[in-house]
Structures are given as C-alpha cells and as structure tokens.
C-alpha cells in the first residue's frame, strides 16, 4: 500500500511534463481526447487500445498492466471551458486560456461522482500525451489514471 501511495504522490512531479491540447497557432479551436485507465500490478496483457501510450504509462506509473475504462472528447476554442465525461462517474472539467501558439495553459478538475480527485493547472504542448495519476480503486492495488491527448 505504501508503494502505491508513493507512486501516486510521485505523479505530481511528472505532471510538469505537460499534456496535450491541439490548438491552431492563432489560438483557434482544438479538441482533447481523454482516456480513463485502470492501472494494475497483476501480470497480464494491457488493453490493446492503449498500446500507443503503454511506454509512457509504464515509465510514469510503473504498473504491470493497463485497461481502458472509458473515454471522451471535448472541443475547446482558444480560451474556453468544456467537460469530458469519461464513464464510471469520472468527469474532467477543462478551462483553457488563450494560446500563444507554443502551448496553452489548461486548468483540469478531475471529478468522480462530483467529488474532486485532482485540481491542477498545466501548460500544454501539442504532440505530448500526459498522464494524470489518481486514487486507488478497490483493494487490489489498482489505481485510476487519465491520459490527455490532442486530436
């Protein structure tokens, strides 16, 4: 249990690496794809739909297998707000500030059934997926995570 808590706490430092929102250089509209992931220490194959992200997940979360639990997409215009329903009661509230063409500042509020799990601000760069580590799920040592990717 202690190692899981250390992994989750360690994720806060990793978040500085950014996540992805695609915005036109003029600050125009972009979209965000968000994926809810369940990370587990049980050996086995990871969900094939996460194969493009598995190296990043393993580097950041250091779990054995990953399952896609839900996903959603939101469109944002330069500076705007949107919500992404991920399923299983999880929602992301996104608040973007106007882009300067190099990146965009995004506030993310990750909620589970209306209870805030994480409230953070990130500078987002196109082309770099981000992993947000969340709370434990159940008693099997599984942990929730979210991947944010530009479309």
C-alpha atoms as a PDB file:
ATOM      1  CA  UNK A   1       0.000   0.000   0.000  1.00  0.00           C
ATOM      2  CA  UNK A   2       2.849   2.356   0.856  1.00  0.00           C
ATOM      3  CA  UNK A   3       4.433   1.819  -2.581  1.00  0.00           C
ATOM      4  CA  UNK A   4       1.152   2.695  -4.295  1.00  0.00           C
ATOM      5  CA  UNK A   5       0.891   5.919  -2.326  1.00  0.00           C
ATOM      6  CA  UNK A   6       4.471   6.792  -3.213  1.00  0.00           C
ATOM      7  CA  UNK A   7       3.730   6.182  -6.900  1.00  0.00           C
ATOM      8  CA  UNK A   8       0.653   8.420  -6.815  1.00  0.00           C
ATOM      9  CA  UNK A   9       2.475  11.178  -4.933  1.00  0.00           C
ATOM     10  CA  UNK A  10       5.365  10.920  -7.374  1.00  0.00           C
ATOM     11  CA  UNK A  11       2.997  11.584 -10.248  1.00  0.00           C
ATOM     12  CA  UNK A  12       2.512  15.184  -9.167  1.00  0.00           C
ATOM     13  CA  UNK A  13       6.107  15.898 -10.168  1.00  0.00           C
ATOM     14  CA  UNK A  14       5.591  14.192 -13.526  1.00  0.00           C
ATOM     15  CA  UNK A  15       2.641  16.421 -14.394  1.00  0.00           C
ATOM     16  CA  UNK A  16       5.019  19.282 -15.131  1.00  0.00           C
ATOM     17  CA  UNK A  17       5.823  17.400 -18.338  1.00  0.00           C
ATOM     18  CA  UNK A  18       2.520  18.631 -19.698  1.00  0.00           C
ATOM     19  CA  UNK A  19      -0.365  17.149 -21.525  1.00  0.00           C
ATOM     20  CA  UNK A  20      -1.814  17.751 -24.934  1.00  0.00           C
ATOM     21  CA  UNK A  21      -4.388  20.019 -26.397  1.00  0.00           C
ATOM     22  CA  UNK A  22      -4.151  20.817 -30.082  1.00  0.00           C
ATOM     23  CA  UNK A  23      -4.658  24.490 -30.784  1.00  0.00           C
ATOM     24  CA  UNK A  24      -4.046  26.333 -34.006  1.00  0.00           C
ATOM     25  CA  UNK A  25      -1.211  28.840 -33.878  1.00  0.00           C
ATOM     26  CA  UNK A  26      -3.792  31.636 -33.774  1.00  0.00           C
ATOM     27  CA  UNK A  27      -5.407  30.197 -30.667  1.00  0.00           C
ATOM     28  CA  UNK A  28      -8.197  28.616 -32.681  1.00  0.00           C
ATOM     29  CA  UNK A  29     -10.289  25.614 -31.751  1.00  0.00           C
ATOM     30  CA  UNK A  30      -8.818  22.309 -30.691  1.00  0.00           C
ATOM     31  CA  UNK A  31     -10.018  19.100 -29.192  1.00  0.00           C
ATOM     32  CA  UNK A  32      -8.928  16.944 -26.304  1.00  0.00           C
ATOM     33  CA  UNK A  33      -9.325  13.191 -26.101  1.00  0.00           C
ATOM     34  CA  UNK A  34      -9.290  11.913 -22.543  1.00  0.00           C
ATOM     35  CA  UNK A  35      -8.974   8.255 -21.576  1.00  0.00           C
ATOM     36  CA  UNK A  36      -9.753   6.775 -18.161  1.00  0.00           C
ATOM     37  CA  UNK A  37      -7.280   3.992 -17.384  1.00  0.00           C
ATOM     38  CA  UNK A  38      -7.139   1.403 -14.625  1.00  0.00           C
ATOM     39  CA  UNK A  39      -3.518   0.525 -13.773  1.00  0.00           C
ATOM     40  CA  UNK A  40      -2.848  -2.803 -12.063  1.00  0.00           C
ATOM     41  CA  UNK A  41       0.116  -4.753 -10.692  1.00  0.00           C
ATOM     42  CA  UNK A  42      -1.436  -8.017 -11.895  1.00  0.00           C
ATOM     43  CA  UNK A  43       0.664  -9.513 -14.645  1.00  0.00           C
ATOM     44  CA  UNK A  44      -1.026  -9.841 -17.989  1.00  0.00           C
ATOM     45  CA  UNK A  45      -1.524  -8.101 -21.273  1.00  0.00           C
ATOM     46  CA  UNK A  46      -2.564  -4.479 -21.342  1.00  0.00           C
ATOM     47  CA  UNK A  47      -5.565  -3.268 -23.305  1.00  0.00           C
ATOM     48  CA  UNK A  48      -4.571  -3.110 -26.974  1.00  0.00           C
ATOM     49  CA  UNK A  49      -6.309   0.254 -27.366  1.00  0.00           C
ATOM     50  CA  UNK A  50      -3.624   1.723 -25.084  1.00  0.00           C
ATOM     51  CA  UNK A  51      -0.619   0.274 -26.971  1.00  0.00           C
ATOM     52  CA  UNK A  52       0.490   3.706 -28.275  1.00  0.00           C
ATOM     53  CA  UNK A  53       0.543   5.031 -24.693  1.00  0.00           C
ATOM     54  CA  UNK A  54       1.827   1.968 -22.828  1.00  0.00           C
ATOM     55  CA  UNK A  55       5.512   3.043 -22.808  1.00  0.00           C
ATOM     56  CA  UNK A  56       4.509   6.397 -21.273  1.00  0.00           C
ATOM     57  CA  UNK A  57       2.186   4.695 -18.778  1.00  0.00           C
ATOM     58  CA  UNK A  58       4.897   2.231 -17.718  1.00  0.00           C
ATOM     59  CA  UNK A  59       7.504   4.998 -17.356  1.00  0.00           C
ATOM     60  CA  UNK A  60       5.253   7.205 -15.230  1.00  0.00           C
ATOM     61  CA  UNK A  61       3.018   4.794 -13.312  1.00  0.00           C
ATOM     62  CA  UNK A  62       5.258   1.695 -13.200  1.00  0.00           C
ATOM     63  CA  UNK A  63       2.394  -0.811 -13.078  1.00  0.00           C
ATOM     64  CA  UNK A  64       2.217  -4.181 -14.872  1.00  0.00           C
ATOM     65  CA  UNK A  65      -0.978  -3.824 -16.942  1.00  0.00           C
ATOM     66  CA  UNK A  66      -3.406  -1.137 -18.100  1.00  0.00           C
ATOM     67  CA  UNK A  67      -7.090  -1.297 -19.045  1.00  0.00           C
ATOM     68  CA  UNK A  68      -9.102   1.370 -20.842  1.00  0.00           C
ATOM     69  CA  UNK A  69     -12.142   2.008 -18.619  1.00  0.00           C
ATOM     70  CA  UNK A  70     -13.751   4.884 -20.542  1.00  0.00           C
ATOM     71  CA  UNK A  71     -13.053   7.832 -22.783  1.00  0.00           C
ATOM     72  CA  UNK A  72     -14.450  11.056 -24.135  1.00  0.00           C
ATOM     73  CA  UNK A  73     -13.615  14.082 -26.251  1.00  0.00           C
ATOM     74  CA  UNK A  74     -14.152  17.803 -25.803  1.00  0.00           C
ATOM     75  CA  UNK A  75     -13.732  20.719 -28.183  1.00  0.00           C
ATOM     76  CA  UNK A  76     -12.199  23.939 -26.934  1.00  0.00           C
ATOM     77  CA  UNK A  77     -11.962  27.272 -28.710  1.00  0.00           C
ATOM     78  CA  UNK A  78      -8.730  29.189 -27.936  1.00  0.00           C
ATOM     79  CA  UNK A  79      -9.911  30.142 -24.479  1.00  0.00           C
ATOM     80  CA  UNK A  80     -12.915  28.216 -23.261  1.00  0.00           C
ATOM     81  CA  UNK A  81     -14.449  25.664 -20.964  1.00  0.00           C
ATOM     82  CA  UNK A  82     -15.580  22.121 -21.613  1.00  0.00           C
ATOM     83  CA  UNK A  83     -16.391  18.945 -19.732  1.00  0.00           C
ATOM     84  CA  UNK A  84     -15.418  15.407 -20.706  1.00  0.00           C
ATOM     85  CA  UNK A  85     -17.457  12.509 -19.327  1.00  0.00           C
ATOM     86  CA  UNK A  86     -15.159   9.508 -19.101  1.00  0.00           C
ATOM     87  CA  UNK A  87     -17.619   6.949 -17.763  1.00  0.00           C
ATOM     88  CA  UNK A  88     -17.785   5.157 -14.398  1.00  0.00           C
ATOM     89  CA  UNK A  89     -18.717   8.503 -12.803  1.00  0.00           C
ATOM     90  CA  UNK A  90     -15.472  10.244 -13.805  1.00  0.00           C
ATOM     91  CA  UNK A  91     -15.561  13.703 -15.404  1.00  0.00           C
ATOM     92  CA  UNK A  92     -12.893  16.214 -16.383  1.00  0.00           C
ATOM     93  CA  UNK A  93     -13.700  19.914 -16.299  1.00  0.00           C
ATOM     94  CA  UNK A  94     -11.315  21.774 -18.601  1.00  0.00           C
ATOM     95  CA  UNK A  95     -10.700  25.529 -18.616  1.00  0.00           C
ATOM     96  CA  UNK A  96      -8.289  26.751 -21.324  1.00  0.00           C
ATOM     97  CA  UNK A  97      -6.677  30.162 -21.556  1.00  0.00           C
ATOM     98  CA  UNK A  98      -5.888  31.685 -24.938  1.00  0.00           C
ATOM     99  CA  UNK A  99      -2.989  30.022 -26.728  1.00  0.00           C
ATOM    100  CA  UNK A 100       0.181  31.844 -27.762  1.00  0.00           C
ATOM    101  CA  UNK A 101       0.857  29.226 -30.448  1.00  0.00           C
ATOM    102  CA  UNK A 102       3.579  27.455 -28.399  1.00  0.00           C
ATOM    103  CA  UNK A 103       1.310  25.939 -25.790  1.00  0.00           C
ATOM    104  CA  UNK A 104      -1.783  26.615 -23.795  1.00  0.00           C
ATOM    105  CA  UNK A 105      -2.494  26.835 -20.103  1.00  0.00           C
ATOM    106  CA  UNK A 106      -5.236  24.433 -19.072  1.00  0.00           C
ATOM    107  CA  UNK A 107      -6.894  24.012 -15.701  1.00  0.00           C
ATOM    108  CA  UNK A 108      -8.100  20.464 -15.115  1.00  0.00           C
ATOM    109  CA  UNK A 109     -10.566  19.415 -12.422  1.00  0.00           C
ATOM    110  CA  UNK A 110     -10.906  15.610 -12.313  1.00  0.00           C
ATOM    111  CA  UNK A 111     -14.054  14.509 -10.523  1.00  0.00           C
ATOM    112  CA  UNK A 112     -15.536  11.178  -9.509  1.00  0.00           C
ATOM    113  CA  UNK A 113     -19.265  11.382  -8.818  1.00  0.00           C
ATOM    114  CA  UNK A 114     -18.977  15.108  -8.115  1.00  0.00           C
ATOM    115  CA  UNK A 115     -16.063  14.642  -5.662  1.00  0.00           C
ATOM    116  CA  UNK A 116     -12.888  16.406  -6.803  1.00  0.00           C
ATOM    117  CA  UNK A 117      -9.951  13.996  -7.171  1.00  0.00           C
ATOM    118  CA  UNK A 118      -7.452  16.437  -8.660  1.00  0.00           C
ATOM    119  CA  UNK A 119      -7.459  20.132  -9.443  1.00  0.00           C
ATOM    120  CA  UNK A 120      -4.344  21.253 -11.327  1.00  0.00           C
ATOM    121  CA  UNK A 121      -3.078  23.730 -13.881  1.00  0.00           C
ATOM    122  CA  UNK A 122      -0.828  22.642 -16.747  1.00  0.00           C
ATOM    123  CA  UNK A 123       0.958  24.214 -19.669  1.00  0.00           C
ATOM    124  CA  UNK A 124       0.057  22.033 -22.625  1.00  0.00           C
ATOM    125  CA  UNK A 125       2.196  21.382 -25.671  1.00  0.00           C
ATOM    126  CA  UNK A 126       0.948  19.762 -28.885  1.00  0.00           C
ATOM    127  CA  UNK A 127       2.139  16.210 -29.513  1.00  0.00           C
ATOM    128  CA  UNK A 128       2.958  15.228 -25.913  1.00  0.00           C
ATOM    129  CA  UNK A 129       0.497  12.889 -24.127  1.00  0.00           C
ATOM    130  CA  UNK A 130       0.071  13.481 -20.414  1.00  0.00           C
ATOM    131  CA  UNK A 131      -0.787  11.018 -17.672  1.00  0.00           C
ATOM    132  CA  UNK A 132      -2.599  12.164 -14.547  1.00  0.00           C
ATOM    133  CA  UNK A 133      -2.335   9.673 -11.695  1.00  0.00           C
ATOM    134  CA  UNK A 134      -5.358   9.344  -9.480  1.00  0.00           C
ATOM    135  CA  UNK A 135      -6.611   7.445  -6.452  1.00  0.00           C
ATOM    136  CA  UNK A 136      -6.592   3.762  -5.677  1.00  0.00           C
ATOM    137  CA  UNK A 137      -9.515   1.702  -6.947  1.00  0.00           C
ATOM    138  CA  UNK A 138     -10.713  -1.083  -4.694  1.00  0.00           C
ATOM    139  CA  UNK A 139      -8.415  -3.214  -2.547  1.00  0.00           C
ATOM    140  CA  UNK A 140      -6.454  -4.932  -5.317  1.00  0.00           C
ATOM    141  CA  UNK A 141      -3.761  -2.274  -5.630  1.00  0.00           C
ATOM    142  CA  UNK A 142      -5.273  -0.800  -8.782  1.00  0.00           C
ATOM    143  CA  UNK A 143      -5.027   2.929  -9.481  1.00  0.00           C
ATOM    144  CA  UNK A 144      -7.061   5.243 -11.729  1.00  0.00           C
ATOM    145  CA  UNK A 145      -5.220   7.370 -14.288  1.00  0.00           C
ATOM    146  CA  UNK A 146      -6.209   9.704 -17.108  1.00  0.00           C
ATOM    147  CA  UNK A 147      -4.392  10.200 -20.421  1.00  0.00           C
ATOM    148  CA  UNK A 148      -4.977  13.504 -22.264  1.00  0.00           C
ATOM    149  CA  UNK A 149      -4.174  13.631 -25.996  1.00  0.00           C
ATOM    150  CA  UNK A 150      -4.658  16.197 -28.741  1.00  0.00           C
ATOM    151  CA  UNK A 151      -6.790  15.238 -31.739  1.00  0.00           C
END
